Amino acid sequence: NFQGRSYNCMGDCADFSSYMSRCHSCRVHSGCWMMYDQSNYMGNHYFFRRGEYADYMSMFGMNNCI
């Protein structure tokens, strides 16, 4: 629900762990965004279109790592 720490990303980022330890919500302002649940673009991947995902973990059954 968009609470707690946040990180704004304008391009590729191979590992978010240095910015935050876990993530539960996502907001895509424009275009599309591909998210992976392991670093260096590995693991399961999820495609997000422009919009707000207040609790994407429960919607997609994801773990809390990006």
N, C-alpha and C. Protein backbone atom coordinates (compact mmCIF):
# COMPACT_ATOMS: atom_id res chain seq x y z
N ASN A 1 0.81 -1.21 0.00
CA ASN A 1 0.00 0.00 0.00
C ASN A 1 0.85 1.26 0.00
N PHE A 2 1.99 1.22 -0.63
CA PHE A 2 2.84 2.39 -0.86
C PHE A 2 3.28 3.07 0.43
N GLN A 3 3.61 2.29 1.44
CA GLN A 3 4.11 2.83 2.70
C GLN A 3 5.54 2.37 2.90
N GLY A 4 6.27 3.05 3.75
CA GLY A 4 7.65 2.67 4.03
C GLY A 4 8.63 3.27 3.03
N ARG A 5 9.79 2.67 2.94
CA ARG A 5 10.83 3.17 2.04
C ARG A 5 10.41 3.01 0.59
N SER A 6 10.96 3.87 -0.25
CA SER A 6 10.67 3.77 -1.68
C SER A 6 11.94 4.01 -2.48
N TYR A 7 11.90 3.61 -3.73
CA TYR A 7 13.02 3.79 -4.64
C TYR A 7 12.45 4.13 -6.01
N ASN A 8 12.92 5.21 -6.61
CA ASN A 8 12.52 5.60 -7.96
C ASN A 8 13.55 5.09 -8.94
N CYS A 9 13.10 4.43 -9.98
CA CYS A 9 14.00 3.85 -10.97
C CYS A 9 13.62 4.38 -12.35
N MET A 10 14.61 4.88 -13.07
CA MET A 10 14.37 5.41 -14.41
C MET A 10 15.01 4.55 -15.51
N GLY A 11 15.66 3.47 -15.12
CA GLY A 11 16.32 2.62 -16.10
C GLY A 11 16.60 1.25 -15.50
N ASP A 12 17.44 0.49 -16.15
CA ASP A 12 17.78 -0.85 -15.68
C ASP A 12 18.45 -0.81 -14.31
N CYS A 13 18.14 -1.80 -13.49
CA CYS A 13 18.78 -1.97 -12.19
C CYS A 13 18.88 -3.46 -11.93
N ALA A 14 20.08 -4.01 -11.93
CA ALA A 14 20.27 -5.45 -11.83
C ALA A 14 20.02 -6.01 -10.43
N ASP A 15 20.03 -5.15 -9.40
CA ASP A 15 19.83 -5.64 -8.03
C ASP A 15 19.36 -4.50 -7.14
N PHE A 16 18.15 -4.60 -6.61
CA PHE A 16 17.58 -3.59 -5.72
C PHE A 16 17.99 -3.77 -4.27
N SER A 17 18.66 -4.85 -3.92
CA SER A 17 18.92 -5.16 -2.51
C SER A 17 19.74 -4.10 -1.79
N SER A 18 20.52 -3.32 -2.50
CA SER A 18 21.28 -2.26 -1.83
C SER A 18 20.38 -1.07 -1.49
N TYR A 19 19.22 -0.98 -2.12
CA TYR A 19 18.28 0.12 -1.86
C TYR A 19 17.22 -0.26 -0.83
N MET A 20 16.77 -1.51 -0.87
CA MET A 20 15.73 -1.97 0.06
C MET A 20 15.82 -3.49 0.19
N SER A 21 15.40 -4.00 1.34
CA SER A 21 15.50 -5.44 1.57
C SER A 21 14.28 -6.20 1.07
N ARG A 22 13.12 -5.57 0.99
CA ARG A 22 11.93 -6.23 0.48
C ARG A 22 10.99 -5.20 -0.11
N CYS A 23 10.08 -5.66 -0.93
CA CYS A 23 9.16 -4.75 -1.60
C CYS A 23 7.79 -5.42 -1.69
N HIS A 24 6.75 -4.65 -1.44
CA HIS A 24 5.39 -5.19 -1.48
C HIS A 24 4.48 -4.49 -2.48
N SER A 25 4.79 -3.27 -2.84
CA SER A 25 3.94 -2.54 -3.79
C SER A 25 4.80 -1.93 -4.89
N CYS A 26 4.13 -1.61 -6.00
CA CYS A 26 4.85 -1.10 -7.16
C CYS A 26 3.96 -0.10 -7.88
N ARG A 27 4.56 0.97 -8.38
CA ARG A 27 3.83 1.97 -9.15
C ARG A 27 4.62 2.22 -10.44
N VAL A 28 3.98 2.00 -11.58
CA VAL A 28 4.59 2.23 -12.88
C VAL A 28 3.96 3.49 -13.46
N HIS A 29 4.76 4.55 -13.63
CA HIS A 29 4.23 5.84 -14.08
C HIS A 29 4.01 5.90 -15.58
N SER A 30 4.87 5.26 -16.35
CA SER A 30 4.69 5.28 -17.80
C SER A 30 5.34 4.04 -18.40
N GLY A 31 4.86 3.65 -19.53
CA GLY A 31 5.42 2.50 -20.23
C GLY A 31 5.17 1.20 -19.49
N CYS A 32 6.11 0.30 -19.59
CA CYS A 32 6.02 -1.02 -18.97
C CYS A 32 7.27 -1.30 -18.17
N TRP A 33 7.19 -2.26 -17.27
CA TRP A 33 8.30 -2.58 -16.39
C TRP A 33 8.37 -4.08 -16.19
N MET A 34 9.54 -4.67 -16.33
CA MET A 34 9.75 -6.09 -16.10
C MET A 34 10.49 -6.25 -14.78
N MET A 35 9.98 -7.10 -13.90
CA MET A 35 10.59 -7.32 -12.60
C MET A 35 10.96 -8.79 -12.46
N TYR A 36 12.12 -9.04 -11.87
CA TYR A 36 12.62 -10.39 -11.65
C TYR A 36 12.79 -10.61 -10.15
N ASP A 37 12.58 -11.87 -9.68
CA ASP A 37 12.68 -12.11 -8.24
C ASP A 37 14.06 -12.58 -7.80
N GLN A 38 15.05 -12.53 -8.70
CA GLN A 38 16.44 -12.78 -8.33
C GLN A 38 17.31 -11.72 -9.00
N SER A 39 18.46 -11.48 -8.43
CA SER A 39 19.34 -10.45 -8.98
C SER A 39 19.86 -10.83 -10.36
N ASN A 40 20.38 -9.83 -11.06
CA ASN A 40 20.95 -9.99 -12.40
C ASN A 40 19.95 -10.57 -13.40
N TYR A 41 18.69 -10.16 -13.29
CA TYR A 41 17.64 -10.52 -14.23
C TYR A 41 17.40 -12.02 -14.32
N MET A 42 17.47 -12.68 -13.18
CA MET A 42 17.28 -14.13 -13.11
C MET A 42 16.00 -14.46 -12.34
N GLY A 43 15.58 -15.70 -12.42
CA GLY A 43 14.42 -16.17 -11.69
C GLY A 43 13.12 -15.88 -12.42
N ASN A 44 12.03 -15.94 -11.68
CA ASN A 44 10.72 -15.65 -12.26
C ASN A 44 10.66 -14.18 -12.66
N HIS A 45 9.97 -13.89 -13.73
CA HIS A 45 9.83 -12.51 -14.17
C HIS A 45 8.35 -12.14 -14.26
N TYR A 46 8.08 -10.85 -14.04
CA TYR A 46 6.72 -10.34 -13.99
C TYR A 46 6.66 -9.05 -14.81
N PHE A 47 5.64 -8.93 -15.62
CA PHE A 47 5.47 -7.80 -16.52
C PHE A 47 4.40 -6.88 -15.96
N PHE A 48 4.74 -5.59 -15.77
CA PHE A 48 3.80 -4.61 -15.23
C PHE A 48 3.55 -3.52 -16.26
N ARG A 49 2.30 -3.22 -16.48
CA ARG A 49 1.92 -2.07 -17.32
C ARG A 49 1.74 -0.86 -16.42
N ARG A 50 1.58 0.30 -17.03
CA ARG A 50 1.34 1.53 -16.29
C ARG A 50 0.17 1.34 -15.32
N GLY A 51 0.39 1.72 -14.06
CA GLY A 51 -0.66 1.59 -13.06
C GLY A 51 -0.08 1.43 -11.67
N GLU A 52 -0.95 1.18 -10.70
CA GLU A 52 -0.55 1.00 -9.31
C GLU A 52 -0.86 -0.42 -8.87
N TYR A 53 0.09 -1.02 -8.19
CA TYR A 53 -0.04 -2.38 -7.68
C TYR A 53 0.21 -2.31 -6.18
N ALA A 54 -0.85 -2.07 -5.41
CA ALA A 54 -0.73 -1.78 -3.98
C ALA A 54 -0.23 -2.98 -3.19
N ASP A 55 -0.53 -4.18 -3.63
CA ASP A 55 -0.06 -5.39 -2.95
C ASP A 55 0.14 -6.48 -4.00
N TYR A 56 1.16 -6.30 -4.83
CA TYR A 56 1.35 -7.22 -5.94
C TYR A 56 1.71 -8.62 -5.48
N MET A 57 2.26 -8.78 -4.27
CA MET A 57 2.62 -10.11 -3.79
C MET A 57 1.40 -11.00 -3.67
N SER A 58 0.30 -10.49 -3.14
CA SER A 58 -0.90 -11.31 -3.01
C SER A 58 -1.58 -11.50 -4.36
N MET A 59 -1.45 -10.51 -5.27
CA MET A 59 -2.09 -10.62 -6.58
C MET A 59 -1.42 -11.69 -7.45
N PHE A 60 -0.10 -11.75 -7.41
CA PHE A 60 0.64 -12.64 -8.30
C PHE A 60 1.26 -13.83 -7.58
N GLY A 61 1.14 -13.92 -6.27
CA GLY A 61 1.75 -15.02 -5.53
C GLY A 61 3.26 -14.97 -5.53
N MET A 62 3.81 -13.77 -5.54
CA MET A 62 5.26 -13.58 -5.61
C MET A 62 5.87 -13.61 -4.23
N ASN A 63 7.20 -13.80 -4.19
CA ASN A 63 7.91 -13.59 -2.93
C ASN A 63 8.17 -12.10 -2.78
N ASN A 64 8.86 -11.68 -1.73
CA ASN A 64 9.01 -10.24 -1.48
C ASN A 64 10.35 -9.70 -1.96
N CYS A 65 11.06 -10.42 -2.80
CA CYS A 65 12.36 -9.96 -3.30
C CYS A 65 12.23 -9.54 -4.76
N ILE A 66 12.91 -8.43 -5.08
CA ILE A 66 12.97 -8.00 -6.48
C ILE A 66 14.40 -7.70 -6.84
